[in-house]
């Protein structure tokens, strides 16, 4: 069984070396450095940046979109040109409640868990491994929120996915989106 042991060590090495990591960029212009004491400043409702479209079943504002949610967002935002809003409410220094709304209709409510890091609220890494007969997949993603002086929030996102289909056809999918600003609706 030495070959099984080698495969196991190989998988562990790949997992350790291929986690999504956000680049350590300097603070954006006019950015307020978030701390545990001022994290409450991001409380509010923000209109999602129109250039940040949610990909199908992908990571979005710190949560995965399900097929039904994606269809609603696609129809309302893309076809009918309705903006969608994200309401953030700090629970404590490690949790932020987020609510996604379209036309006063709540689409999704969830909790973003993370911590303050480098002046941002950075979400804990989200990972999953899907070992199945026909498809194998590894996914790792990170998301962070910052605050600008003009009451806008700034978000960064990065993901890494790779796997195989039928054990023969490998694929990779890496994406990142940095410095997306989102306007406050309360001012």
C-alpha atoms as a PDB file:
ATOM      1  CA  UNK A   1       0.000   0.000   0.000  1.00  0.00           C
ATOM      2  CA  UNK A   2       2.889   2.463  -0.344  1.00  0.00           C
ATOM      3  CA  UNK A   3       1.257   3.984  -3.446  1.00  0.00           C
ATOM      4  CA  UNK A   4      -1.925   4.839  -1.494  1.00  0.00           C
ATOM      5  CA  UNK A   5       0.186   6.535   1.142  1.00  0.00           C
ATOM      6  CA  UNK A   6       1.991   8.555  -1.537  1.00  0.00           C
ATOM      7  CA  UNK A   7      -1.337   9.626  -3.089  1.00  0.00           C
ATOM      8  CA  UNK A   8      -2.604  10.722   0.324  1.00  0.00           C
ATOM      9  CA  UNK A   9       0.529  12.790   0.946  1.00  0.00           C
ATOM     10  CA  UNK A  10       0.185  14.277  -2.537  1.00  0.00           C
ATOM     11  CA  UNK A  11      -3.423  15.344  -1.893  1.00  0.00           C
ATOM     12  CA  UNK A  12      -2.480  16.869   1.465  1.00  0.00           C
ATOM     13  CA  UNK A  13       0.372  18.806  -0.166  1.00  0.00           C
ATOM     14  CA  UNK A  14      -1.960  20.146  -2.875  1.00  0.00           C
ATOM     15  CA  UNK A  15      -4.565  21.220  -0.305  1.00  0.00           C
ATOM     16  CA  UNK A  16      -2.034  22.999   1.855  1.00  0.00           C
ATOM     17  CA  UNK A  17      -0.410  24.852  -1.030  1.00  0.00           C
ATOM     18  CA  UNK A  18      -3.525  25.828  -2.975  1.00  0.00           C
ATOM     19  CA  UNK A  19      -5.726  27.803  -0.618  1.00  0.00           C
ATOM     20  CA  UNK A  20      -7.257  31.026  -1.868  1.00  0.00           C
ATOM     21  CA  UNK A  21      -5.354  33.928  -0.390  1.00  0.00           C
ATOM     22  CA  UNK A  22      -6.242  37.578  -0.782  1.00  0.00           C
ATOM     23  CA  UNK A  23      -3.359  39.757  -1.859  1.00  0.00           C
ATOM     24  CA  UNK A  24      -2.041  41.978   0.877  1.00  0.00           C
ATOM     25  CA  UNK A  25      -2.652  45.280  -0.787  1.00  0.00           C
ATOM     26  CA  UNK A  26      -2.172  48.637   0.788  1.00  0.00           C
ATOM     27  CA  UNK A  27      -5.178  50.483   2.065  1.00  0.00           C
ATOM     28  CA  UNK A  28      -7.264  51.976  -0.733  1.00  0.00           C
ATOM     29  CA  UNK A  29      -7.347  55.728  -1.120  1.00  0.00           C
ATOM     30  CA  UNK A  30      -9.647  57.283   1.516  1.00  0.00           C
ATOM     31  CA  UNK A  31     -10.067  53.938   3.289  1.00  0.00           C
ATOM     32  CA  UNK A  32     -10.768  53.825   7.017  1.00  0.00           C
ATOM     33  CA  UNK A  33      -8.809  51.131   8.800  1.00  0.00           C
ATOM     34  CA  UNK A  34     -11.318  48.840  10.495  1.00  0.00           C
ATOM     35  CA  UNK A  35     -10.617  47.788  14.074  1.00  0.00           C
ATOM     36  CA  UNK A  36     -12.631  45.890  16.668  1.00  0.00           C
ATOM     37  CA  UNK A  37     -13.653  49.256  18.141  1.00  0.00           C
ATOM     38  CA  UNK A  38     -14.965  50.842  14.908  1.00  0.00           C
ATOM     39  CA  UNK A  39     -16.286  47.786  13.050  1.00  0.00           C
ATOM     40  CA  UNK A  40     -19.846  49.046  13.711  1.00  0.00           C
ATOM     41  CA  UNK A  41     -19.199  51.790  11.110  1.00  0.00           C
ATOM     42  CA  UNK A  42     -19.987  49.331   8.298  1.00  0.00           C
ATOM     43  CA  UNK A  43     -23.553  48.886   9.565  1.00  0.00           C
ATOM     44  CA  UNK A  44     -25.859  49.997   6.783  1.00  0.00           C
ATOM     45  CA  UNK A  45     -27.386  49.171   3.429  1.00  0.00           C
ATOM     46  CA  UNK A  46     -25.323  49.217   0.256  1.00  0.00           C
ATOM     47  CA  UNK A  47     -26.220  48.951  -3.409  1.00  0.00           C
ATOM     48  CA  UNK A  48     -24.168  46.205  -5.001  1.00  0.00           C
ATOM     49  CA  UNK A  49     -21.682  47.455  -7.583  1.00  0.00           C
ATOM     50  CA  UNK A  50     -23.260  46.864 -10.987  1.00  0.00           C
ATOM     51  CA  UNK A  51     -20.007  45.424 -12.335  1.00  0.00           C
ATOM     52  CA  UNK A  52     -19.944  42.700  -9.662  1.00  0.00           C
ATOM     53  CA  UNK A  53     -22.348  40.198 -11.161  1.00  0.00           C
ATOM     54  CA  UNK A  54     -22.858  36.942  -9.293  1.00  0.00           C
ATOM     55  CA  UNK A  55     -21.614  33.949 -11.266  1.00  0.00           C
ATOM     56  CA  UNK A  56     -23.838  30.885 -11.358  1.00  0.00           C
ATOM     57  CA  UNK A  57     -23.746  28.987  -8.047  1.00  0.00           C
ATOM     58  CA  UNK A  58     -20.628  30.855  -7.017  1.00  0.00           C
ATOM     59  CA  UNK A  59     -19.455  32.701  -3.974  1.00  0.00           C
ATOM     60  CA  UNK A  60     -21.157  36.034  -3.485  1.00  0.00           C
ATOM     61  CA  UNK A  61     -20.849  38.545  -0.625  1.00  0.00           C
ATOM     62  CA  UNK A  62     -19.564  35.841   1.698  1.00  0.00           C
ATOM     63  CA  UNK A  63     -22.158  33.183   0.831  1.00  0.00           C
ATOM     64  CA  UNK A  64     -22.881  30.667  -1.897  1.00  0.00           C
ATOM     65  CA  UNK A  65     -25.787  31.379  -4.228  1.00  0.00           C
ATOM     66  CA  UNK A  66     -28.191  28.521  -4.790  1.00  0.00           C
ATOM     67  CA  UNK A  67     -29.724  27.945  -8.225  1.00  0.00           C
ATOM     68  CA  UNK A  68     -33.070  29.484  -7.216  1.00  0.00           C
ATOM     69  CA  UNK A  69     -31.385  32.586  -5.761  1.00  0.00           C
ATOM     70  CA  UNK A  70     -29.214  32.964  -8.850  1.00  0.00           C
ATOM     71  CA  UNK A  71     -32.248  32.823 -11.161  1.00  0.00           C
ATOM     72  CA  UNK A  72     -34.051  35.508  -9.155  1.00  0.00           C
ATOM     73  CA  UNK A  73     -30.967  37.746  -9.101  1.00  0.00           C
ATOM     74  CA  UNK A  74     -30.342  37.244 -12.814  1.00  0.00           C
ATOM     75  CA  UNK A  75     -33.909  38.071 -13.776  1.00  0.00           C
ATOM     76  CA  UNK A  76     -34.324  41.056 -11.468  1.00  0.00           C
ATOM     77  CA  UNK A  77     -30.868  42.576 -11.961  1.00  0.00           C
ATOM     78  CA  UNK A  78     -29.949  41.717 -15.541  1.00  0.00           C
ATOM     79  CA  UNK A  79     -33.313  41.736 -17.306  1.00  0.00           C
ATOM     80  CA  UNK A  80     -35.380  44.163 -15.230  1.00  0.00           C
ATOM     81  CA  UNK A  81     -32.449  46.388 -14.151  1.00  0.00           C
ATOM     82  CA  UNK A  82     -33.440  46.412 -10.468  1.00  0.00           C
ATOM     83  CA  UNK A  83     -30.523  46.976  -8.108  1.00  0.00           C
ATOM     84  CA  UNK A  84     -30.007  44.605  -5.256  1.00  0.00           C
ATOM     85  CA  UNK A  85     -29.089  45.788  -1.818  1.00  0.00           C
ATOM     86  CA  UNK A  86     -26.926  44.259   0.876  1.00  0.00           C
ATOM     87  CA  UNK A  87     -27.627  45.234   4.487  1.00  0.00           C
ATOM     88  CA  UNK A  88     -24.747  44.655   6.911  1.00  0.00           C
ATOM     89  CA  UNK A  89     -25.218  44.578  10.683  1.00  0.00           C
ATOM     90  CA  UNK A  90     -22.284  43.853  12.988  1.00  0.00           C
ATOM     91  CA  UNK A  91     -23.200  41.300  15.670  1.00  0.00           C
ATOM     92  CA  UNK A  92     -19.789  41.223  17.356  1.00  0.00           C
ATOM     93  CA  UNK A  93     -16.123  41.449  16.365  1.00  0.00           C
ATOM     94  CA  UNK A  94     -16.305  38.058  14.617  1.00  0.00           C
ATOM     95  CA  UNK A  95     -19.799  38.087  13.024  1.00  0.00           C
ATOM     96  CA  UNK A  96     -21.687  40.293  10.585  1.00  0.00           C
ATOM     97  CA  UNK A  97     -25.281  39.574   9.579  1.00  0.00           C
ATOM     98  CA  UNK A  98     -25.925  40.160   5.877  1.00  0.00           C
ATOM     99  CA  UNK A  99     -29.290  40.450   4.118  1.00  0.00           C
ATOM    100  CA  UNK A 100     -29.661  40.528   0.326  1.00  0.00           C
ATOM    101  CA  UNK A 101     -32.789  42.351  -0.893  1.00  0.00           C
ATOM    102  CA  UNK A 102     -34.325  43.140  -4.265  1.00  0.00           C
ATOM    103  CA  UNK A 103     -37.226  45.621  -4.346  1.00  0.00           C
ATOM    104  CA  UNK A 104     -37.839  45.295  -0.573  1.00  0.00           C
ATOM    105  CA  UNK A 105     -38.027  41.503  -0.922  1.00  0.00           C
ATOM    106  CA  UNK A 106     -35.523  39.555   1.176  1.00  0.00           C
ATOM    107  CA  UNK A 107     -33.699  37.042  -0.995  1.00  0.00           C
ATOM    108  CA  UNK A 108     -31.243  35.713   1.559  1.00  0.00           C
ATOM    109  CA  UNK A 109     -30.062  36.307   5.126  1.00  0.00           C
ATOM    110  CA  UNK A 110     -26.842  34.810   6.487  1.00  0.00           C
ATOM    111  CA  UNK A 111     -23.922  35.425   8.855  1.00  0.00           C
ATOM    112  CA  UNK A 112     -20.416  36.295   7.686  1.00  0.00           C
ATOM    113  CA  UNK A 113     -17.882  34.934  10.184  1.00  0.00           C
ATOM    114  CA  UNK A 114     -14.365  36.322  10.250  1.00  0.00           C
ATOM    115  CA  UNK A 115     -12.017  38.741  11.969  1.00  0.00           C
ATOM    116  CA  UNK A 116     -10.301  42.073  11.537  1.00  0.00           C
ATOM    117  CA  UNK A 117      -7.116  41.729   9.491  1.00  0.00           C
ATOM    118  CA  UNK A 118      -5.038  44.467   7.828  1.00  0.00           C
ATOM    119  CA  UNK A 119      -7.798  47.070   8.225  1.00  0.00           C
ATOM    120  CA  UNK A 120     -10.530  44.855   6.701  1.00  0.00           C
ATOM    121  CA  UNK A 121     -13.124  42.456   8.061  1.00  0.00           C
ATOM    122  CA  UNK A 122     -11.852  39.252   6.466  1.00  0.00           C
ATOM    123  CA  UNK A 123     -14.113  36.240   6.271  1.00  0.00           C
ATOM    124  CA  UNK A 124     -12.839  32.871   7.420  1.00  0.00           C
ATOM    125  CA  UNK A 125     -11.723  30.721   4.503  1.00  0.00           C
ATOM    126  CA  UNK A 126     -14.513  28.700   2.891  1.00  0.00           C
ATOM    127  CA  UNK A 127     -13.408  25.299   1.621  1.00  0.00           C
ATOM    128  CA  UNK A 128     -15.001  22.133   0.433  1.00  0.00           C
ATOM    129  CA  UNK A 129     -13.849  18.918  -1.167  1.00  0.00           C
ATOM    130  CA  UNK A 130     -16.207  16.892  -3.333  1.00  0.00           C
ATOM    131  CA  UNK A 131     -14.860  13.352  -3.789  1.00  0.00           C
ATOM    132  CA  UNK A 132     -17.413  11.642  -6.031  1.00  0.00           C
ATOM    133  CA  UNK A 133     -17.334   8.869  -8.571  1.00  0.00           C
ATOM    134  CA  UNK A 134     -17.692  11.052 -11.673  1.00  0.00           C
ATOM    135  CA  UNK A 135     -16.394  14.412 -10.518  1.00  0.00           C
ATOM    136  CA  UNK A 136     -13.810  15.398  -7.916  1.00  0.00           C
ATOM    137  CA  UNK A 137     -13.529  19.013  -6.853  1.00  0.00           C
ATOM    138  CA  UNK A 138     -11.617  21.175  -4.416  1.00  0.00           C
ATOM    139  CA  UNK A 139     -12.810  24.741  -3.674  1.00  0.00           C
ATOM    140  CA  UNK A 140     -11.239  27.455  -1.523  1.00  0.00           C
ATOM    141  CA  UNK A 141     -12.412  31.078  -1.297  1.00  0.00           C
ATOM    142  CA  UNK A 142     -11.918  34.260   0.748  1.00  0.00           C
ATOM    143  CA  UNK A 143     -13.896  37.497   1.013  1.00  0.00           C
ATOM    144  CA  UNK A 144     -13.230  40.764   2.818  1.00  0.00           C
ATOM    145  CA  UNK A 145     -14.977  44.062   3.445  1.00  0.00           C
ATOM    146  CA  UNK A 146     -13.403  47.474   3.998  1.00  0.00           C
ATOM    147  CA  UNK A 147     -14.830  50.938   4.633  1.00  0.00           C
ATOM    148  CA  UNK A 148     -14.180  54.164   2.712  1.00  0.00           C
ATOM    149  CA  UNK A 149     -14.455  57.684   4.135  1.00  0.00           C
ATOM    150  CA  UNK A 150     -17.460  58.532   1.936  1.00  0.00           C
ATOM    151  CA  UNK A 151     -19.635  55.813   3.562  1.00  0.00           C
ATOM    152  CA  UNK A 152     -19.003  53.287   0.789  1.00  0.00           C
ATOM    153  CA  UNK A 153     -17.763  49.767   1.406  1.00  0.00           C
ATOM    154  CA  UNK A 154     -15.041  48.098  -0.605  1.00  0.00           C
ATOM    155  CA  UNK A 155     -14.912  44.328  -1.179  1.00  0.00           C
ATOM    156  CA  UNK A 156     -12.266  41.864  -2.316  1.00  0.00           C
ATOM    157  CA  UNK A 157     -12.826  38.256  -3.308  1.00  0.00           C
ATOM    158  CA  UNK A 158     -10.685  35.339  -4.501  1.00  0.00           C
ATOM    159  CA  UNK A 159     -11.398  31.694  -5.242  1.00  0.00           C
ATOM    160  CA  UNK A 160      -9.503  28.646  -6.413  1.00  0.00           C
ATOM    161  CA  UNK A 161     -11.187  25.523  -7.739  1.00  0.00           C
ATOM    162  CA  UNK A 162      -9.732  22.479  -9.388  1.00  0.00           C
ATOM    163  CA  UNK A 163     -10.717  18.902  -9.971  1.00  0.00           C
ATOM    164  CA  UNK A 164     -11.272  16.162 -12.493  1.00  0.00           C
ATOM    165  CA  UNK A 165     -14.216  14.866 -14.462  1.00  0.00           C
ATOM    166  CA  UNK A 166     -14.297  11.079 -14.882  1.00  0.00           C
ATOM    167  CA  UNK A 167     -10.775  11.112 -13.314  1.00  0.00           C
ATOM    168  CA  UNK A 168      -9.309  12.023 -16.721  1.00  0.00           C
ATOM    169  CA  UNK A 169     -10.169  15.577 -17.629  1.00  0.00           C
ATOM    170  CA  UNK A 170      -8.608  18.003 -15.147  1.00  0.00           C
ATOM    171  CA  UNK A 171      -9.896  21.570 -14.814  1.00  0.00           C
ATOM    172  CA  UNK A 172      -9.070  24.686 -12.847  1.00  0.00           C
ATOM    173  CA  UNK A 173     -11.114  27.790 -12.148  1.00  0.00           C
ATOM    174  CA  UNK A 174      -9.478  30.724 -10.425  1.00  0.00           C
ATOM    175  CA  UNK A 175     -11.099  34.134 -10.060  1.00  0.00           C
ATOM    176  CA  UNK A 176     -10.480  37.286  -8.093  1.00  0.00           C
ATOM    177  CA  UNK A 177     -12.125  40.661  -7.811  1.00  0.00           C
ATOM    178  CA  UNK A 178     -10.446  43.481  -5.914  1.00  0.00           C
ATOM    179  CA  UNK A 179     -11.448  47.008  -4.871  1.00  0.00           C
ATOM    180  CA  UNK A 180     -15.130  46.816  -5.782  1.00  0.00           C
ATOM    181  CA  UNK A 181     -16.860  49.824  -4.237  1.00  0.00           C
ATOM    182  CA  UNK A 182     -20.511  49.734  -3.195  1.00  0.00           C
ATOM    183  CA  UNK A 183     -22.519  52.899  -2.489  1.00  0.00           C
ATOM    184  CA  UNK A 184     -24.434  53.443   0.712  1.00  0.00           C
ATOM    185  CA  UNK A 185     -28.187  53.975   0.276  1.00  0.00           C
ATOM    186  CA  UNK A 186     -28.537  55.781   3.588  1.00  0.00           C
ATOM    187  CA  UNK A 187     -26.864  59.088   2.715  1.00  0.00           C
END
